[in-house]
Each structure stands twice: as C-alpha cells, then as structure tokens.
N, C-alpha and C. Protein backbone atom coordinates (compact mmCIF):
# COMPACT_ATOMS: atom_id res chain seq x y z
N MET A 1 -13.73 7.09 -12.80
CA MET A 1 -13.68 5.28 -12.29
C MET A 1 -14.48 4.27 -12.80
N ASP A 2 -14.62 3.81 -13.54
CA ASP A 2 -15.98 3.13 -13.17
C ASP A 2 -15.59 1.98 -12.71
N ILE A 3 -16.85 1.75 -12.27
CA ILE A 3 -17.31 -0.02 -10.53
C ILE A 3 -18.70 -0.59 -11.44
N TYR A 4 -17.55 -1.80 -11.24
CA TYR A 4 -18.51 -2.53 -11.65
C TYR A 4 -19.42 -4.03 -10.69
N SER A 5 -20.23 -4.65 -10.86
CA SER A 5 -20.12 -5.41 -9.58
C SER A 5 -19.18 -6.83 -10.00
N GLN A 6 -19.02 -6.97 -10.94
CA GLN A 6 -17.47 -7.36 -11.67
C GLN A 6 -16.75 -7.53 -10.36
N ASN A 7 -16.45 -6.64 -10.39
CA ASN A 7 -14.66 -6.15 -9.20
C ASN A 7 -15.32 -6.84 -7.50
N ILE A 8 -16.22 -7.40 -7.39
CA ILE A 8 -16.52 -7.33 -5.82
C ILE A 8 -16.21 -9.04 -5.91
N TYR A 9 -15.58 -8.66 -4.65
CA TYR A 9 -15.11 -10.29 -4.37
C TYR A 9 -15.80 -10.63 -3.32
N GLU A 10 -15.72 -12.30 -3.01
CA GLU A 10 -15.93 -12.07 -1.04
C GLU A 10 -14.74 -12.63 -0.84
N VAL A 11 -14.00 -12.52 -0.13
CA VAL A 11 -13.03 -12.76 1.13
C VAL A 11 -13.15 -13.25 2.69
N ILE A 12 -12.56 -13.66 2.74
CA ILE A 12 -12.68 -13.98 4.50
C ILE A 12 -11.09 -14.04 4.62
N GLU A 13 -11.85 -12.87 5.80
CA GLU A 13 -10.03 -12.84 6.76
C GLU A 13 -10.50 -13.20 8.26
N ASN A 14 -9.25 -13.94 8.05
CA ASN A 14 -9.33 -13.02 9.84
C ASN A 14 -10.76 -14.55 10.27
N ASN A 15 -11.34 -15.49 9.41
CA ASN A 15 -12.59 -16.33 9.70
C ASN A 15 -13.76 -15.15 10.17
N THR A 16 -13.60 -14.60 8.78
CA THR A 16 -14.87 -13.53 8.94
C THR A 16 -14.46 -13.20 7.21
N ARG A 17 -16.16 -13.97 6.59
CA ARG A 17 -16.47 -13.35 5.14
C ARG A 17 -16.60 -12.50 5.14
N LYS A 18 -16.54 -11.02 4.62
CA LYS A 18 -16.88 -10.16 4.08
C LYS A 18 -17.01 -10.08 2.73
N HIS A 19 -17.55 -8.45 1.49
CA HIS A 19 -17.12 -8.19 0.32
C HIS A 19 -16.58 -7.48 0.07
N VAL A 20 -15.56 -7.08 -0.33
CA VAL A 20 -15.02 -6.19 -1.44
C VAL A 20 -14.51 -5.51 -3.28
N LEU A 21 -14.46 -4.56 -3.07
CA LEU A 21 -14.46 -3.95 -4.55
C LEU A 21 -13.12 -4.24 -4.61
N ILE A 22 -12.40 -4.75 -5.25
CA ILE A 22 -11.19 -4.70 -5.73
C ILE A 22 -10.53 -3.56 -6.76
N ILE A 23 -10.07 -2.76 -6.16
CA ILE A 23 -10.11 -1.51 -7.57
C ILE A 23 -8.71 -1.55 -8.17
N TYR A 24 -7.97 -2.15 -7.29
CA TYR A 24 -6.65 -1.89 -7.92
C TYR A 24 -5.42 -3.83 -7.73
N ASN A 25 -4.69 -4.03 -8.91
CA ASN A 25 -3.87 -4.93 -9.17
C ASN A 25 -2.61 -4.76 -8.32
N ILE A 26 -2.53 -5.32 -7.66
CA ILE A 26 -0.37 -4.92 -7.90
C ILE A 26 0.37 -5.99 -7.96
N SER A 27 0.23 -6.59 -8.63
CA SER A 27 0.12 -8.34 -8.76
C SER A 27 -0.29 -9.05 -9.25
N GLU A 28 0.37 -10.79 -9.16
CA GLU A 28 -0.70 -11.07 -9.57
C GLU A 28 -1.35 -12.29 -8.08
N ASN A 29 -0.61 -12.28 -7.25
CA ASN A 29 -1.37 -12.33 -6.28
C ASN A 29 -2.23 -11.40 -4.78
N HIS A 30 -1.80 -9.83 -5.33
CA HIS A 30 -1.91 -9.32 -4.34
C HIS A 30 -2.48 -7.82 -5.01
N TYR A 31 -3.68 -7.26 -4.27
CA TYR A 31 -5.16 -6.77 -4.53
C TYR A 31 -4.66 -6.05 -3.13
N VAL A 32 -6.10 -4.13 -3.79
CA VAL A 32 -6.55 -3.02 -3.17
C VAL A 32 -7.38 -3.33 -3.42
N GLY A 33 -8.48 -2.98 -1.78
CA GLY A 33 -9.77 -3.12 -2.42
C GLY A 33 -10.32 -2.18 -1.36
N LEU A 34 -11.05 -2.04 -1.25
CA LEU A 34 -12.49 -1.61 -0.31
C LEU A 34 -13.83 -2.31 0.24
N THR A 35 -13.67 -1.87 1.10
CA THR A 35 -14.92 -3.59 2.45
C THR A 35 -16.95 -3.24 0.81
N VAL A 36 -17.06 -3.70 0.86
CA VAL A 36 -18.47 -3.13 0.55
C VAL A 36 -19.43 -3.89 1.41
N HIS A 37 -20.22 -2.43 1.70
CA HIS A 37 -21.57 -2.90 2.75
C HIS A 37 -22.84 -2.42 1.83
N THR A 38 -24.33 -3.53 2.51
CA THR A 38 -25.46 -2.33 2.32
C THR A 38 -26.74 -1.96 2.89
N ILE A 39 -25.95 -1.56 4.28
CA ILE A 39 -26.54 -0.39 5.49
C ILE A 39 -25.52 0.59 5.22
N LYS A 40 -26.54 1.97 4.90
CA LYS A 40 -25.64 3.53 4.55
C LYS A 40 -25.27 3.59 6.33
N SER A 41 -24.84 4.44 6.15
CA SER A 41 -23.68 4.87 7.74
C SER A 41 -22.91 5.86 7.07
N ASP A 42 -22.57 6.71 7.94
CA ASP A 42 -22.85 7.92 7.59
C ASP A 42 -20.97 8.40 7.56
N ASN A 43 -20.56 7.48 7.84
CA ASN A 43 -19.02 7.71 6.99
C ASN A 43 -17.98 6.45 5.54
N LEU A 44 -19.84 6.23 5.04
CA LEU A 44 -19.71 5.30 3.96
C LEU A 44 -20.13 5.93 2.50
N ALA A 45 -19.85 5.55 1.98
CA ALA A 45 -19.76 6.34 0.58
C ALA A 45 -20.58 5.86 -0.41
N TYR A 46 -22.01 6.07 -0.79
CA TYR A 46 -22.52 5.27 -2.11
C TYR A 46 -21.83 5.43 -3.30
N ILE A 47 -22.30 4.27 -4.37
CA ILE A 47 -22.13 4.44 -5.36
C ILE A 47 -23.37 3.42 -6.09
N GLU A 48 -23.48 4.19 -7.39
CA GLU A 48 -24.55 3.60 -7.65
C GLU A 48 -25.00 3.51 -8.66
N SER A 49 -22.94 2.53 -9.22
CA SER A 49 -22.92 1.42 -9.86
C SER A 49 -23.84 0.13 -9.50
N ILE A 50 -23.18 0.08 -8.62
CA ILE A 50 -23.13 -0.86 -7.65
C ILE A 50 -24.52 -0.93 -6.80
N ASN A 51 -24.82 0.19 -6.34
CA ASN A 51 -26.12 0.08 -5.55
C ASN A 51 -25.73 -0.44 -4.27
N ARG A 52 -24.67 -0.40 -3.44
CA ARG A 52 -23.90 -0.02 -2.57
C ARG A 52 -22.63 0.79 -2.21
N PHE A 53 -22.60 0.70 -0.27
CA PHE A 53 -22.06 2.29 0.24
C PHE A 53 -20.28 1.02 0.66
N ILE A 54 -19.26 2.25 0.61
CA ILE A 54 -17.98 1.65 0.91
C ILE A 54 -18.05 2.96 1.84
N ASP A 55 -16.19 2.19 2.57
CA ASP A 55 -15.63 2.77 3.35
C ASP A 55 -14.43 3.27 2.25
N ILE A 56 -14.03 3.73 2.38
CA ILE A 56 -13.27 4.47 1.38
C ILE A 56 -12.20 4.71 2.42
N SER A 57 -12.11 4.66 3.61
CA SER A 57 -10.74 4.53 4.68
C SER A 57 -10.21 3.63 5.13
N ASP A 58 -11.13 3.16 4.58
CA ASP A 58 -10.38 0.76 5.15
C ASP A 58 -10.06 0.53 3.82
N LEU A 59 -9.11 1.38 2.83
CA LEU A 59 -8.51 0.81 2.18
C LEU A 59 -7.41 -0.55 2.75
N GLN A 60 -7.62 -1.54 1.74
CA GLN A 60 -6.80 -2.63 2.55
C GLN A 60 -5.80 -3.40 1.44
N GLU A 61 -4.58 -3.97 1.84
CA GLU A 61 -3.88 -4.96 0.38
C GLU A 61 -5.04 -6.26 -0.05
N TYR A 62 -5.35 -7.53 -0.24
CA TYR A 62 -5.61 -8.63 -0.15
C TYR A 62 -4.73 -10.12 -0.93
N THR A 63 -4.07 -10.82 -1.04
CA THR A 63 -3.67 -11.97 -1.38
C THR A 63 -4.89 -13.03 -1.75
N LYS A 64 -4.32 -13.19 -3.43
CA LYS A 64 -5.46 -14.31 -4.50
C LYS A 64 -5.95 -15.29 -3.73
N ARG A 65 -5.21 -15.67 -2.15
CA ARG A 65 -5.63 -16.87 -1.28
C ARG A 65 -6.90 -16.46 -0.81
N ASN A 66 -6.53 -15.06 -0.18
CA ASN A 66 -7.82 -14.45 0.73
C ASN A 66 -9.50 -14.64 -0.23
N ILE A 67 -9.19 -14.28 -1.32
CA ILE A 67 -10.04 -14.31 -2.60
C ILE A 67 -10.85 -15.15 -2.80
N LYS A 68 -11.74 -15.25 -2.30
CA LYS A 68 -12.68 -16.96 -2.81
C LYS A 68 -13.65 -17.08 -4.10
N ARG A 69 -13.68 -15.86 -4.34
CA ARG A 69 -14.88 -15.87 -5.47
C ARG A 69 -15.09 -15.08 -5.77
N ILE A 70 -15.80 -15.02 -6.95
CA ILE A 70 -16.79 -13.26 -7.73
C ILE A 70 -17.69 -13.56 -6.89
N SER A 71 -18.48 -12.14 -6.28
CA SER A 71 -19.57 -12.10 -5.17
C SER A 71 -20.56 -11.72 -6.50
N LEU A 72 -21.62 -12.89 -5.68
CA LEU A 72 -23.17 -12.14 -6.41
C LEU A 72 -24.00 -11.59 -5.50
N CYS A 73 -23.74 -10.51 -5.26
CA CYS A 73 -23.99 -9.55 -3.88
C CYS A 73 -25.32 -8.71 -4.84
C-alpha cells in the first residue's frame, strides 16, 4: 500500500487535536485511520514515505464531522 502525506488529516476527538492517517473510506461519512506520531516509540511503526510513526494497534473509525482538514505536517 502506498502512503502519502495527502492521506494525513487533522482530527479533533474528545477536544483533542491529533493527526490521523486515513487508510480506508468506509462510506461518504465514515473512515478508518491510524494515529500519526512524530516521536519514535517502541510500539510505533516507521513509515518512510511520510517520515512519521504510526501505531498499528490504534485502528479507529472516524466520522467526517471529526475530520477538520488535510494536515500540513
């Protein structure tokens, strides 16, 4: 699977802003994604094409309402 920075979105969930890599569009309003991190940790996988880390075990569903914009990170 090719991963591009255009697939990273800024999401606000429970009043917390985070960046999410959207990997699947379930429907017009529902998406599946993984949280993106800039700091290395033991449980994170490095994705070279975006120069970021993701938590593969943190797969979550997001609604269009939570997604605010494409991230510029």
